[in-house]
PDB file of N, CA and C in Angstrom:
ATOM      1  N   MET A   1       0.674  -1.215   0.021  1.00  0.00           N
ATOM      2  CA  MET A   1      -0.110  -0.067  -0.029  1.00  0.00           C
ATOM      3  C   MET A   1       0.867   1.272  -0.049  1.00  0.00           C
ATOM      4  N   VAL A   2       2.095   1.208   0.598  1.00  0.00           N
ATOM      5  CA  VAL A   2       2.859   2.350   0.678  1.00  0.00           C
ATOM      6  C   VAL A   2       3.386   2.886  -0.715  1.00  0.00           C
ATOM      7  N   GLU A   3       3.635   1.852  -1.531  1.00  0.00           N
ATOM      8  CA  GLU A   3       3.740   1.982  -3.023  1.00  0.00           C
ATOM      9  C   GLU A   3       2.849   2.761  -3.896  1.00  0.00           C
ATOM     10  N   LYS A   4       1.652   2.303  -3.627  1.00  0.00           N
ATOM     11  CA  LYS A   4       0.385   2.925  -4.268  1.00  0.00           C
ATOM     12  C   LYS A   4       0.498   4.242  -4.082  1.00  0.00           C
ATOM     13  N   GLN A   5       0.559   4.595  -2.562  1.00  0.00           N
ATOM     14  CA  GLN A   5       0.517   6.014  -2.155  1.00  0.00           C
ATOM     15  C   GLN A   5       1.650   7.080  -2.750  1.00  0.00           C
ATOM     16  N   SER A   6       2.772   6.477  -2.811  1.00  0.00           N
ATOM     17  CA  SER A   6       3.994   7.240  -3.306  1.00  0.00           C
ATOM     18  C   SER A   6       3.780   7.547  -4.693  1.00  0.00           C
ATOM     19  N   SER A   7       3.221   6.484  -5.515  1.00  0.00           N
ATOM     20  CA  SER A   7       3.160   6.553  -7.046  1.00  0.00           C
ATOM     21  C   SER A   7       1.976   7.515  -7.375  1.00  0.00           C
ATOM     22  N   SER A   8       0.990   7.583  -6.455  1.00  0.00           N
ATOM     23  CA  SER A   8      -0.079   8.414  -6.767  1.00  0.00           C
ATOM     24  C   SER A   8       0.550  10.014  -6.431  1.00  0.00           C
ATOM     25  N   GLU A   9       1.130  10.005  -5.273  1.00  0.00           N
ATOM     26  CA  GLU A   9       1.850  11.189  -4.923  1.00  0.00           C
ATOM     27  C   GLU A   9       2.595  11.853  -6.078  1.00  0.00           C
ATOM     28  N   LEU A  10       3.288  10.649  -6.718  1.00  0.00           N
ATOM     29  CA  LEU A  10       4.305  11.274  -7.629  1.00  0.00           C
ATOM     30  C   LEU A  10       3.474  11.767  -8.908  1.00  0.00           C
ATOM     31  N   ILE A  11       2.348  11.151  -9.286  1.00  0.00           N
ATOM     32  CA  ILE A  11       1.565  11.513 -10.418  1.00  0.00           C
ATOM     33  C   ILE A  11       1.048  12.831 -10.046  1.00  0.00           C
ATOM     34  N   SER A  12       0.544  13.196  -8.890  1.00  0.00           N
ATOM     35  CA  SER A  12      -0.280  14.469  -8.620  1.00  0.00           C
ATOM     36  C   SER A  12       0.919  15.376  -8.674  1.00  0.00           C
ATOM     37  N   SER A  13       2.061  15.266  -8.098  1.00  0.00           N
ATOM     38  CA  SER A  13       3.037  16.250  -8.086  1.00  0.00           C
ATOM     39  C   SER A  13       3.388  16.635  -9.516  1.00  0.00           C
ATOM     40  N   LYS A  14       3.622  15.537 -10.356  1.00  0.00           N
ATOM     41  CA  LYS A  14       3.833  15.898 -11.860  1.00  0.00           C
ATOM     42  C   LYS A  14       2.748  16.713 -12.644  1.00  0.00           C
ATOM     43  N   VAL A  15       1.447  16.287 -12.234  1.00  0.00           N
ATOM     44  CA  VAL A  15       0.487  17.040 -12.785  1.00  0.00           C
ATOM     45  C   VAL A  15       0.490  18.624 -12.291  1.00  0.00           C
ATOM     46  N   LEU A  16       0.643  18.682 -10.777  1.00  0.00           N
ATOM     47  CA  LEU A  16       0.779  20.047 -10.375  1.00  0.00           C
ATOM     48  C   LEU A  16       1.764  20.887 -10.918  1.00  0.00           C
ATOM     49  N   LEU A  17       3.039  20.295 -11.076  1.00  0.00           N
ATOM     50  CA  LEU A  17       3.978  21.019 -11.719  1.00  0.00           C
ATOM     51  C   LEU A  17       3.907  21.449 -13.083  1.00  0.00           C
ATOM     52  N   SER A  18       3.239  20.438 -13.995  1.00  0.00           N
ATOM     53  CA  SER A  18       2.935  20.796 -15.329  1.00  0.00           C
ATOM     54  C   SER A  18       1.772  21.982 -15.306  1.00  0.00           C
ATOM     55  N   VAL A  19       1.041  21.910 -14.457  1.00  0.00           N
ATOM     56  CA  VAL A  19       0.003  22.925 -14.400  1.00  0.00           C
ATOM     57  C   VAL A  19       0.541  24.261 -13.916  1.00  0.00           C
ATOM     58  N   ALA A  20       1.460  24.336 -13.018  1.00  0.00           N
ATOM     59  CA  ALA A  20       2.005  25.554 -12.683  1.00  0.00           C
ATOM     60  C   ALA A  20       2.976  26.054 -13.550  1.00  0.00           C
ATOM     61  N   THR A  21       3.574  25.366 -14.608  1.00  0.00           N
ATOM     62  CA  THR A  21       4.686  25.592 -15.601  1.00  0.00           C
ATOM     63  C   THR A  21       4.044  26.508 -16.663  1.00  0.00           C
ATOM     64  N   SER A  22       2.907  26.280 -17.029  1.00  0.00           N
ATOM     65  CA  SER A  22       2.122  26.775 -17.948  1.00  0.00           C
ATOM     66  C   SER A  22       2.022  28.531 -17.922  1.00  0.00           C
ATOM     67  N   PRO A  23       1.608  28.981 -16.744  1.00  0.00           N
ATOM     68  CA  PRO A  23       1.396  30.502 -16.486  1.00  0.00           C
ATOM     69  C   PRO A  23       2.731  31.083 -16.557  1.00  0.00           C
ATOM     70  N   PHE A  24       3.819  30.482 -16.141  1.00  0.00           N
ATOM     71  CA  PHE A  24       5.271  31.048 -16.200  1.00  0.00           C
ATOM     72  C   PHE A  24       5.691  30.993 -17.690  1.00  0.00           C
ATOM     73  N   LEU A  25       5.334  30.114 -18.501  1.00  0.00           N
ATOM     74  CA  LEU A  25       5.811  30.323 -19.897  1.00  0.00           C
ATOM     75  C   LEU A  25       5.083  31.260 -20.649  1.00  0.00           C
ATOM     76  N   LEU A  26       3.728  31.220 -20.365  1.00  0.00           N
ATOM     77  CA  LEU A  26       2.850  32.219 -20.900  1.00  0.00           C
ATOM     78  C   LEU A  26       3.480  33.816 -20.667  1.00  0.00           C
ATOM     79  N   ALA A  27       3.722  33.896 -19.589  1.00  0.00           N
ATOM     80  CA  ALA A  27       4.046  35.303 -18.987  1.00  0.00           C
ATOM     81  C   ALA A  27       5.490  35.524 -19.626  1.00  0.00           C
ATOM     82  N   ALA A  28       6.294  34.553 -19.731  1.00  0.00           N
ATOM     83  CA  ALA A  28       7.865  34.741 -20.569  1.00  0.00           C
ATOM     84  C   ALA A  28       7.568  35.103 -21.922  1.00  0.00           C
ATOM     85  N   ILE A  29       6.670  34.475 -22.392  1.00  0.00           N
ATOM     86  CA  ILE A  29       6.317  34.659 -23.842  1.00  0.00           C
ATOM     87  C   ILE A  29       5.590  36.116 -23.975  1.00  0.00           C
ATOM     88  N   ALA A  30       4.638  36.441 -23.280  1.00  0.00           N
ATOM     89  CA  ALA A  30       3.927  37.936 -23.240  1.00  0.00           C
ATOM     90  C   ALA A  30       4.978  39.053 -22.818  1.00  0.00           C
ATOM     91  N   ALA A  31       5.903  38.841 -22.038  1.00  0.00           N
ATOM     92  CA  ALA A  31       6.860  39.955 -21.703  1.00  0.00           C
ATOM     93  C   ALA A  31       7.855  39.924 -22.963  1.00  0.00           C
ATOM     94  N   GLU A  32       8.138  39.006 -23.612  1.00  0.00           N
ATOM     95  CA  GLU A  32       9.019  39.092 -24.678  1.00  0.00           C
ATOM     96  C   GLU A  32       8.392  39.825 -25.846  1.00  0.00           C
ATOM     97  N   SER A  33       6.980  39.585 -26.246  1.00  0.00           N
ATOM     98  CA  SER A  33       6.337  40.010 -27.137  1.00  0.00           C
ATOM     99  C   SER A  33       5.873  41.568 -26.857  1.00  0.00           C
ATOM    100  N   LEU A  34       5.684  41.743 -25.666  1.00  0.00           N
ATOM    101  CA  LEU A  34       5.438  43.295 -25.230  1.00  0.00           C
ATOM    102  C   LEU A  34       6.830  44.098 -25.371  1.00  0.00           C
ATOM    103  N   THR A  35       7.881  43.563 -24.873  1.00  0.00           N
ATOM    104  CA  THR A  35       9.114  44.310 -25.105  1.00  0.00           C
ATOM    105  C   THR A  35       9.397  44.695 -26.465  1.00  0.00           C
ATOM    106  N   LYS A  36       9.171  43.605 -27.231  1.00  0.00           N
ATOM    107  CA  LYS A  36       9.518  43.622 -28.914  1.00  0.00           C
ATOM    108  C   LYS A  36       8.474  44.688 -29.571  1.00  0.00           C
ATOM    109  N   ASN A  37       7.322  44.930 -29.070  1.00  0.00           N
ATOM    110  CA  ASN A  37       6.367  45.673 -29.611  1.00  0.00           C
ATOM    111  C   ASN A  37       6.667  47.162 -29.149  1.00  0.00           C
ATOM    112  N   LEU A  38       7.080  47.307 -27.769  1.00  0.00           N
ATOM    113  CA  LEU A  38       7.429  48.716 -27.280  1.00  0.00           C
ATOM    114  C   LEU A  38       8.635  49.231 -28.133  1.00  0.00           C
ATOM    115  N   ILE A  39       9.561  48.318 -28.500  1.00  0.00           N
ATOM    116  CA  ILE A  39      10.694  48.870 -29.033  1.00  0.00           C
ATOM    117  C   ILE A  39      10.437  49.412 -30.442  1.00  0.00           C
ATOM    118  N   GLU A  40       9.344  48.468 -31.141  1.00  0.00           N
ATOM    119  CA  GLU A  40       8.920  48.808 -32.497  1.00  0.00           C
ATOM    120  C   GLU A  40       8.217  50.269 -32.357  1.00  0.00           C
ATOM    121  N   ILE A  41       7.374  50.401 -31.330  1.00  0.00           N
ATOM    122  CA  ILE A  41       6.600  51.730 -31.277  1.00  0.00           C
ATOM    123  C   ILE A  41       7.477  52.888 -31.103  1.00  0.00           C
ATOM    124  N   GLY A  42       8.607  52.819 -30.199  1.00  0.00           N
ATOM    125  CA  GLY A  42       9.500  53.749 -29.973  1.00  0.00           C
ATOM    126  C   GLY A  42      10.348  54.009 -31.239  1.00  0.00           C
ATOM    127  N   GLU A  43      10.707  53.092 -31.996  1.00  0.00           N
ATOM    128  CA  GLU A  43      11.348  53.441 -33.422  1.00  0.00           C
ATOM    129  C   GLU A  43      10.525  54.084 -34.299  1.00  0.00           C
ATOM    130  N   VAL A  44       9.349  53.843 -34.403  1.00  0.00           N
ATOM    131  CA  VAL A  44       8.210  54.583 -35.347  1.00  0.00           C
ATOM    132  C   VAL A  44       8.182  55.918 -34.656  1.00  0.00           C
ATOM    133  N   CYS A  45       7.991  56.198 -33.378  1.00  0.00           N
ATOM    134  CA  CYS A  45       7.895  57.630 -32.828  1.00  0.00           C
ATOM    135  C   CYS A  45       9.188  58.350 -33.095  1.00  0.00           C
ATOM    136  N   GLU A  46      10.403  57.796 -32.985  1.00  0.00           N
ATOM    137  CA  GLU A  46      11.633  58.443 -33.318  1.00  0.00           C
ATOM    138  C   GLU A  46      11.590  58.953 -34.640  1.00  0.00           C
ATOM    139  N   GLU A  47      11.018  57.974 -35.701  1.00  0.00           N
ATOM    140  CA  GLU A  47      10.980  58.489 -37.046  1.00  0.00           C
ATOM    141  C   GLU A  47       9.959  59.774 -37.198  1.00  0.00           C
ATOM    142  N   VAL A  48       8.850  59.705 -36.649  1.00  0.00           N
ATOM    143  CA  VAL A  48       7.999  60.830 -36.765  1.00  0.00           C
ATOM    144  C   VAL A  48       8.397  62.235 -36.376  1.00  0.00           C
ATOM    145  N   PHE A  49       8.917  61.978 -35.300  1.00  0.00           N
ATOM    146  CA  PHE A  49       9.619  63.308 -34.518  1.00  0.00           C
ATOM    147  C   PHE A  49      11.039  63.754 -34.967  1.00  0.00           C
ATOM    148  N   ARG A  50      11.533  62.928 -35.968  1.00  0.00           N
ATOM    149  CA  ARG A  50      12.891  63.151 -36.593  1.00  0.00           C
ATOM    150  C   ARG A  50      12.664  64.554 -37.369  1.00  0.00           C
ATOM    151  N   GLY A  51      11.562  64.465 -38.230  1.00  0.00           N
ATOM    152  CA  GLY A  51      11.094  65.579 -39.148  1.00  0.00           C
ATOM    153  C   GLY A  51      11.525  65.352 -40.657  1.00  0.00           C
ATOM    154  N   ASP A  52      12.234  64.099 -40.929  1.00  0.00           N
ATOM    155  CA  ASP A  52      12.512  63.872 -42.341  1.00  0.00           C
ATOM    156  C   ASP A  52      11.336  63.866 -43.313  1.00  0.00           C
ATOM    157  N   ARG A  53      10.423  63.182 -42.536  1.00  0.00           N
ATOM    158  CA  ARG A  53       9.119  63.081 -43.357  1.00  0.00           C
ATOM    159  C   ARG A  53       7.868  63.953 -43.273  1.00  0.00           C
ATOM    160  N   LEU A  54       8.422  65.149 -42.511  1.00  0.00           N
ATOM    161  CA  LEU A  54       7.149  66.028 -42.358  1.00  0.00           C
ATOM    162  C   LEU A  54       7.246  66.934 -43.690  1.00  0.00           C
ATOM    163  N   PRO A  55       6.114  67.226 -43.859  1.00  0.00           N
ATOM    164  CA  PRO A  55       5.874  68.335 -45.282  1.00  0.00           C
ATOM    165  C   PRO A  55       6.386  69.670 -44.965  1.00  0.00           C
ATOM    166  N   ILE A  56       6.802  70.115 -46.031  1.00  0.00           N
ATOM    167  CA  ILE A  56       7.456  71.639 -46.075  1.00  0.00           C
ATOM    168  C   ILE A  56       6.133  72.529 -46.237  1.00  0.00           C
ATOM    169  N   LEU A  57       6.168  73.364 -45.253  1.00  0.00           N
ATOM    170  CA  LEU A  57       4.915  74.347 -45.284  1.00  0.00           C
ATOM    171  C   LEU A  57       5.345  75.717 -46.122  1.00  0.00           C
ATOM    172  N   HIS A  58       4.872  75.926 -46.958  1.00  0.00           N
ATOM    173  CA  HIS A  58       5.130  77.248 -47.643  1.00  0.00           C
ATOM    174  C   HIS A  58       4.356  78.325 -47.022  1.00  0.00           C
ATOM    175  N   VAL A  59       4.925  79.358 -46.273  1.00  0.00           N
ATOM    176  CA  VAL A  59       4.245  80.306 -45.773  1.00  0.00           C
ATOM    177  C   VAL A  59       4.257  81.525 -46.724  1.00  0.00           C
ATOM    178  N   PRO A  60       3.354  82.057 -47.075  1.00  0.00           N
ATOM    179  CA  PRO A  60       3.320  83.132 -47.893  1.00  0.00           C
ATOM    180  C   PRO A  60       3.610  84.422 -47.299  1.00  0.00           C
ATOM    181  N   GLU A  61       4.599  85.217 -47.858  1.00  0.00           N
ATOM    182  CA  GLU A  61       5.051  86.525 -47.305  1.00  0.00           C
ATOM    183  C   GLU A  61       4.016  87.661 -47.396  1.00  0.00           C
ATOM    184  N   GLU A  62       3.540  88.350 -46.542  1.00  0.00           N
ATOM    185  CA  GLU A  62       2.730  89.281 -46.783  1.00  0.00           C
ATOM    186  C   GLU A  62       3.422  90.551 -47.182  1.00  0.00           C
ATOM    187  N   GLU A  63       2.959  91.372 -48.084  1.00  0.00           N
ATOM    188  CA  GLU A  63       3.691  92.481 -48.501  1.00  0.00           C
ATOM    189  C   GLU A  63       3.225  93.683 -47.727  1.00  0.00           C
ATOM    190  N   THR A  64       4.240  94.391 -47.345  1.00  0.00           N
ATOM    191  CA  THR A  64       3.901  95.415 -46.404  1.00  0.00           C
ATOM    192  C   THR A  64       3.952  96.757 -47.475  1.00  0.00           C
ATOM    193  N   GLU A  65       3.070  97.784 -47.129  1.00  0.00           N
ATOM    194  CA  GLU A  65       2.909  98.731 -47.992  1.00  0.00           C
ATOM    195  C   GLU A  65       3.652  99.921 -47.231  1.00  0.00           C
ATOM    196  N   ASN A  66       4.637 100.406 -48.032  1.00  0.00           N
ATOM    197  CA  ASN A  66       5.393 101.571 -47.403  1.00  0.00           C
ATOM    198  C   ASN A  66       4.979 102.748 -48.159  1.00  0.00           C
ATOM    199  N   LYS A  67       4.314 103.559 -47.343  1.00  0.00           N
ATOM    200  CA  LYS A  67       4.065 105.143 -48.060  1.00  0.00           C
ATOM    201  C   LYS A  67       4.584 106.143 -47.081  1.00  0.00           C
TER     202      LYS A  67
END
């Protein structure tokens, strides 16, 4: 009977370990994805604020009348 109890404890501990491992793996994958996306967003923002792709605004000069 002692062997049956230890084998059932072994099975239950393996199941518990496998169930507990899944959230950690998902968290690691989510953290990696979040980091990658934040870096890409930062690079896009940097391109926008750099000014190379902004349109050139032609401001008409007002003629002043000197009399």
